[in-house]
C-alpha atoms as a PDB file:
ATOM      1  CA  MET A   1      43.714  88.976 157.181  1.00  0.00           C
ATOM      2  CA  LEU A   2      47.281  88.697 156.996  1.00  0.00           C
ATOM      3  CA  SER A   3      47.530  92.149 153.977  1.00  0.00           C
ATOM      4  CA  VAL A   4      45.346  93.989 156.059  1.00  0.00           C
ATOM      5  CA  LEU A   5      46.891  93.545 159.103  1.00  0.00           C
ATOM      6  CA  LEU A   6      50.455  93.672 157.366  1.00  0.00           C
ATOM      7  CA  LEU A   7      49.422  97.103 155.346  1.00  0.00           C
ATOM      8  CA  GLY A   8      48.220  98.835 158.825  1.00  0.00           C
ATOM      9  CA  PHE A   9      51.420  97.731 160.301  1.00  0.00           C
ATOM     10  CA  PHE A  10      53.459  99.610 157.866  1.00  0.00           C
ATOM     11  CA  GLY A  11      50.878 102.436 157.028  1.00  0.00           C
ATOM     12  CA  VAL A  12      51.306 103.235 161.406  1.00  0.00           C
ATOM     13  CA  TYR A  13      55.004 102.978 160.568  1.00  0.00           C
ATOM     14  CA  ALA A  14      55.128 105.387 157.510  1.00  0.00           C
ATOM     15  CA  GLN A  15      53.308 107.432 159.446  1.00  0.00           C
ATOM     16  CA  GLU A  16      55.604 108.068 162.105  1.00  0.00           C
ATOM     17  CA  MET A  17      58.554 108.158 159.637  1.00  0.00           C
ATOM     18  CA  ASN A  18      57.018 111.358 158.306  1.00  0.00           C
ATOM     19  CA  ASN A  19      56.372 112.652 161.614  1.00  0.00           C
ATOM     20  CA  LEU A  20      60.233 112.219 161.909  1.00  0.00           C
ATOM     21  CA  GLU A  21      62.187 115.072 163.339  1.00  0.00           C
ATOM     22  CA  PRO A  22      65.753 116.074 161.995  1.00  0.00           C
ATOM     23  CA  GLN A  23      68.344 115.081 164.757  1.00  0.00           C
ATOM     24  CA  LEU A  24      72.299 116.668 164.523  1.00  0.00           C
ATOM     25  CA  ARG A  25      74.833 115.878 167.538  1.00  0.00           C
ATOM     26  CA  PHE A  26      78.123 117.032 167.496  1.00  0.00           C
ATOM     27  CA  GLY A  27      80.827 115.851 170.136  1.00  0.00           C
ATOM     28  CA  THR A  28      84.409 116.398 171.535  1.00  0.00           C
ATOM     29  CA  GLY A  29      86.303 115.051 173.822  1.00  0.00           C
ATOM     30  CA  LEU A  30      89.148 112.159 174.627  1.00  0.00           C
ATOM     31  CA  SER A  31      90.990 110.079 171.986  1.00  0.00           C
ATOM     32  CA  ILE A  32      93.028 106.892 172.979  1.00  0.00           C
ATOM     33  CA  VAL A  33      95.265 105.639 169.539  1.00  0.00           C
ATOM     34  CA  ASP A  34      98.322 103.843 169.502  1.00  0.00           C
ATOM     35  CA  LYS A  35      98.740 103.825 173.459  1.00  0.00           C
ATOM     36  CA  THR A  36      99.010 107.613 173.222  1.00  0.00           C
ATOM     37  CA  VAL A  37      96.018 109.910 174.284  1.00  0.00           C
ATOM     38  CA  GLY A  38      94.905 112.840 172.430  1.00  0.00           C
ATOM     39  CA  ILE A  39      91.348 114.216 171.297  1.00  0.00           C
ATOM     40  CA  SER A  40      89.160 113.772 168.811  1.00  0.00           C
ATOM     41  CA  ALA A  41      85.432 115.509 167.450  1.00  0.00           C
ATOM     42  CA  SER A  42      82.079 113.866 165.472  1.00  0.00           C
ATOM     43  CA  PHE A  43      79.514 115.074 164.151  1.00  0.00           C
ATOM     44  CA  ASP A  44      76.497 112.970 163.557  1.00  0.00           C
ATOM     45  CA  THR A  45      72.971 113.406 161.802  1.00  0.00           C
ATOM     46  CA  ARG A  46      70.140 111.040 161.750  1.00  0.00           C
ATOM     47  CA  MET A  47      68.854 109.815 157.919  1.00  0.00           C
ATOM     48  CA  SER A  48      66.183 107.462 159.201  1.00  0.00           C
ATOM     49  CA  HIS A  49      65.331 105.344 162.540  1.00  0.00           C
ATOM     50  CA  LEU A  50      68.234 103.426 161.905  1.00  0.00           C
ATOM     51  CA  ILE A  51      70.302 105.086 159.822  1.00  0.00           C
ATOM     52  CA  TYR A  52      73.233 108.216 160.668  1.00  0.00           C
ATOM     53  CA  VAL A  53      76.001 109.459 158.864  1.00  0.00           C
ATOM     54  CA  SER A  54      78.568 110.092 160.784  1.00  0.00           C
ATOM     55  CA  ILE A  55      81.760 111.740 160.163  1.00  0.00           C
ATOM     56  CA  GLY A  56      84.676 112.736 162.826  1.00  0.00           C
ATOM     57  CA  GLY A  57      89.080 112.963 163.402  1.00  0.00           C
ATOM     58  CA  PHE A  58      91.110 113.041 165.867  1.00  0.00           C
ATOM     59  CA  ARG A  59      94.411 114.024 166.794  1.00  0.00           C
ATOM     60  CA  SER A  60      97.572 112.467 168.896  1.00  0.00           C
ATOM     61  CA  LEU A  61      98.807 114.376 171.077  1.00  0.00           C
ATOM     62  CA  ASP A  62     102.283 112.132 171.323  1.00  0.00           C
ATOM     63  CA  ILE A  63     104.765 109.999 169.469  1.00  0.00           C
ATOM     64  CA  PRO A  64     104.339 106.347 170.685  1.00  0.00           C
ATOM     65  CA  LEU A  65     107.227 104.577 171.698  1.00  0.00           C
ATOM     66  CA  ALA A  66     107.395 101.353 170.392  1.00  0.00           C
ATOM     67  CA  GLU A  67     109.282  97.198 170.390  1.00  0.00           C
ATOM     68  CA  ASP A  68     107.884  95.415 167.819  1.00  0.00           C
ATOM     69  CA  TYR A  69     108.304  95.574 164.082  1.00  0.00           C
ATOM     70  CA  ALA A  70     104.530  96.564 163.232  1.00  0.00           C
ATOM     71  CA  ASP A  71     104.182  99.184 165.986  1.00  0.00           C
ATOM     72  CA  LYS A  72     106.747 101.187 164.947  1.00  0.00           C
ATOM     73  CA  ILE A  73     104.352 102.742 162.319  1.00  0.00           C
ATOM     74  CA  ALA A  74     102.115 105.159 164.381  1.00  0.00           C
ATOM     75  CA  LEU A  75      98.598 106.166 163.689  1.00  0.00           C
ATOM     76  CA  ARG A  76      98.957 110.034 164.162  1.00  0.00           C
ATOM     77  CA  HIS A  77      95.553 111.309 163.465  1.00  0.00           C
ATOM     78  CA  GLY A  78      92.606 111.237 161.007  1.00  0.00           C
ATOM     79  CA  ILE A  79      89.461 112.377 159.477  1.00  0.00           C
ATOM     80  CA  TRP A  80      87.198 109.564 158.603  1.00  0.00           C
ATOM     81  CA  ALA A  81      82.956 109.494 156.984  1.00  0.00           C
ATOM     82  CA  ALA A  82      81.287 106.125 158.009  1.00  0.00           C
ATOM     83  CA  PRO A  83      76.995 105.344 157.771  1.00  0.00           C
ATOM     84  CA  SER A  84      75.915 104.585 161.523  1.00  0.00           C
ATOM     85  CA  PHE A  85      73.937 101.614 161.356  1.00  0.00           C
ATOM     86  CA  ARG A  86      71.323 102.433 165.240  1.00  0.00           C
ATOM     87  CA  PHE A  87      70.781  99.088 166.950  1.00  0.00           C
ATOM     88  CA  PRO A  88      66.452  98.604 166.963  1.00  0.00           C
ATOM     89  CA  HIS A  89      64.814  99.341 170.307  1.00  0.00           C
ATOM     90  CA  ARG A  90      62.552 101.589 171.849  1.00  0.00           C
ATOM     91  CA  TYR A  91      63.231 104.861 173.749  1.00  0.00           C
ATOM     92  CA  SER A  92      62.291 104.533 177.488  1.00  0.00           C
ATOM     93  CA  LYS A  93      59.635 106.906 178.717  1.00  0.00           C
ATOM     94  CA  THR A  94      62.424 107.898 181.295  1.00  0.00           C
ATOM     95  CA  ARG A  95      64.723 111.061 179.966  1.00  0.00           C
ATOM     96  CA  ILE A  96      67.193 108.974 180.142  1.00  0.00           C
ATOM     97  CA  ASN A  97      67.902 107.419 176.760  1.00  0.00           C
ATOM     98  CA  TRP A  98      70.782 105.230 175.466  1.00  0.00           C
ATOM     99  CA  ASP A  99      71.788 103.728 171.587  1.00  0.00           C
ATOM    100  CA  VAL A 100      73.984 101.770 170.148  1.00  0.00           C
ATOM    101  CA  PHE A 101      75.773 101.821 166.620  1.00  0.00           C
ATOM    102  CA  LEU A 102      77.367  99.542 164.706  1.00  0.00           C
ATOM    103  CA  GLN A 103      79.680 101.972 161.446  1.00  0.00           C
ATOM    104  CA  THR A 104      81.810 101.025 158.743  1.00  0.00           C
ATOM    105  CA  GLY A 105      83.159 103.359 156.223  1.00  0.00           C
ATOM    106  CA  PHE A 106      87.022 104.877 155.336  1.00  0.00           C
ATOM    107  CA  ALA A 107      89.836 107.448 156.676  1.00  0.00           C
ATOM    108  CA  ALA A 108      92.207 109.416 155.153  1.00  0.00           C
ATOM    109  CA  THR A 109      94.692 108.640 158.102  1.00  0.00           C
ATOM    110  CA  PHE A 110      98.616 110.300 158.936  1.00  0.00           C
ATOM    111  CA  SER A 111     101.342 108.202 160.521  1.00  0.00           C
ATOM    112  CA  GLU A 112     104.560 108.168 161.382  1.00  0.00           C
ATOM    113  CA  LEU A 113     107.381 105.951 161.464  1.00  0.00           C
ATOM    114  CA  THR A 114     108.428 106.244 165.060  1.00  0.00           C
ATOM    115  CA  GLU A 115     112.795 105.555 164.535  1.00  0.00           C
ATOM    116  CA  GLU A 116     112.298 108.952 161.558  1.00  0.00           C
ATOM    117  CA  GLU A 117     111.478 112.443 162.264  1.00  0.00           C
ATOM    118  CA  ASP A 118     110.795 113.718 158.912  1.00  0.00           C
ATOM    119  CA  TRP A 119     108.954 110.645 158.329  1.00  0.00           C
ATOM    120  CA  PHE A 120     104.644 110.662 157.554  1.00  0.00           C
ATOM    121  CA  LEU A 121     102.330 108.678 155.231  1.00  0.00           C
ATOM    122  CA  MET A 122      98.525 109.188 154.365  1.00  0.00           C
ATOM    123  CA  GLU A 123      97.168 106.477 153.225  1.00  0.00           C
ATOM    124  CA  PRO A 124      93.185 106.067 152.415  1.00  0.00           C
ATOM    125  CA  THR A 125      91.986 103.639 155.480  1.00  0.00           C
ATOM    126  CA  GLY A 126      89.401 101.583 155.818  1.00  0.00           C
ATOM    127  CA  LEU A 127      87.270 101.300 159.079  1.00  0.00           C
ATOM    128  CA  ILE A 128      84.890  99.558 161.214  1.00  0.00           C
ATOM    129  CA  GLY A 129      83.710 100.791 164.850  1.00  0.00           C
ATOM    130  CA  LEU A 130      80.792 100.363 167.228  1.00  0.00           C
ATOM    131  CA  GLU A 131      79.393 102.664 169.381  1.00  0.00           C
ATOM    132  CA  GLY A 132      77.860 103.524 172.222  1.00  0.00           C
ATOM    133  CA  ILE A 133      75.294 106.510 173.550  1.00  0.00           C
ATOM    134  CA  LEU A 134      74.287 107.994 176.796  1.00  0.00           C
ATOM    135  CA  PHE A 135      71.352 110.539 176.567  1.00  0.00           C
ATOM    136  CA  LEU A 136      69.931 112.885 179.050  1.00  0.00           C
ATOM    137  CA  ASP A 137      67.788 115.530 176.688  1.00  0.00           C
ATOM    138  CA  ALA A 138      69.518 117.616 174.170  1.00  0.00           C
ATOM    139  CA  ILE A 139      73.258 116.285 176.380  1.00  0.00           C
ATOM    140  CA  ALA A 140      74.985 113.115 175.879  1.00  0.00           C
ATOM    141  CA  ILE A 141      78.424 111.205 176.504  1.00  0.00           C
ATOM    142  CA  ARG A 142      79.458 109.031 173.200  1.00  0.00           C
ATOM    143  CA  VAL A 143      81.445 106.038 173.589  1.00  0.00           C
ATOM    144  CA  GLY A 144      83.442 104.890 170.854  1.00  0.00           C
ATOM    145  CA  GLY A 145      85.691 102.500 169.092  1.00  0.00           C
ATOM    146  CA  LYS A 146      86.793 101.910 165.692  1.00  0.00           C
ATOM    147  CA  TYR A 147      89.580  99.706 164.181  1.00  0.00           C
ATOM    148  CA  PHE A 148      91.089 101.006 160.954  1.00  0.00           C
ATOM    149  CA  PHE A 149      93.066  98.969 158.565  1.00  0.00           C
ATOM    150  CA  TYR A 150      95.324 100.053 155.866  1.00  0.00           C
ATOM    151  CA  ASN A 151      98.074  98.629 153.935  1.00  0.00           C
ATOM    152  CA  PRO A 152     101.071 101.528 153.311  1.00  0.00           C
ATOM    153  CA  TYR A 153     103.890 101.003 151.712  1.00  0.00           C
ATOM    154  CA  VAL A 154     106.928 101.870 154.220  1.00  0.00           C
ATOM    155  CA  PRO A 155     110.182 102.143 151.702  1.00  0.00           C
ATOM    156  CA  ALA A 156     112.628 101.750 154.961  1.00  0.00           C
ATOM    157  CA  TYR A 157     111.736  98.594 155.136  1.00  0.00           C
ATOM    158  CA  ASN A 158     111.257  98.132 151.334  1.00  0.00           C
ATOM    159  CA  GLU A 159     107.780  96.532 152.077  1.00  0.00           C
ATOM    160  CA  ARG A 160     104.463  96.700 152.533  1.00  0.00           C
ATOM    161  CA  LEU A 161     102.066  96.660 155.564  1.00  0.00           C
ATOM    162  CA  PHE A 162      99.072  95.612 156.219  1.00  0.00           C
ATOM    163  CA  LEU A 163      97.941  96.912 159.612  1.00  0.00           C
ATOM    164  CA  PHE A 164      94.927  97.695 161.758  1.00  0.00           C
ATOM    165  CA  ARG A 165      94.724 100.351 163.888  1.00  0.00           C
ATOM    166  CA  PRO A 166      92.841 100.806 167.375  1.00  0.00           C
ATOM    167  CA  GLN A 167      90.947 104.376 167.967  1.00  0.00           C
ATOM    168  CA  ILE A 168      88.785 104.333 171.820  1.00  0.00           C
ATOM    169  CA  ASN A 169      87.078 108.138 172.058  1.00  0.00           C
ATOM    170  CA  LEU A 170      85.076 109.349 175.036  1.00  0.00           C
ATOM    171  CA  GLU A 171      82.964 112.644 173.962  1.00  0.00           C
ATOM    172  CA  LEU A 172      80.292 114.805 175.718  1.00  0.00           C
ATOM    173  CA  ALA A 173      77.838 115.650 172.778  1.00  0.00           C
ATOM    174  CA  TYR A 174      74.872 118.105 172.246  1.00  0.00           C
ATOM    175  CA  THR A 175      72.027 117.440 170.372  1.00  0.00           C
ATOM    176  CA  TRP A 176      69.894 119.832 167.879  1.00  0.00           C
END
């Protein structure tokens, strides 16, 4: 009896998955990275009900001034790619809905030493983030935060540092 119920449940779920329409979302907006304002853009696509693939980038518009040792290295801009795992829930029958995503992935980031003008560093970087989306039909507001972690060698200090850098974004997105 249990096997018949499970087969019926997964059969309905499989039918629903076959009816899944592709979904693409592009967003652009403001970013805060290392206490400076910047711009961000992202693009994601739905792979299943729970898994999306996201790519994006950000650019800081100003070099921050720092006092402590670790903050003398400023994250300036980067491009990233991350599978996103959607928090499972049902959509409301109203037109306004929401989604929450957990993101883990990698990035190529560019940093600068705030004390020197001609010094920059490009590093492979890991990332973990959380993103929330509130949407009405095809228009969405996306709020997200990511932590970039990397281990650059800094010749000026003759030392390798392990850094965590937060990046927060607020974007207006369109879904088609």
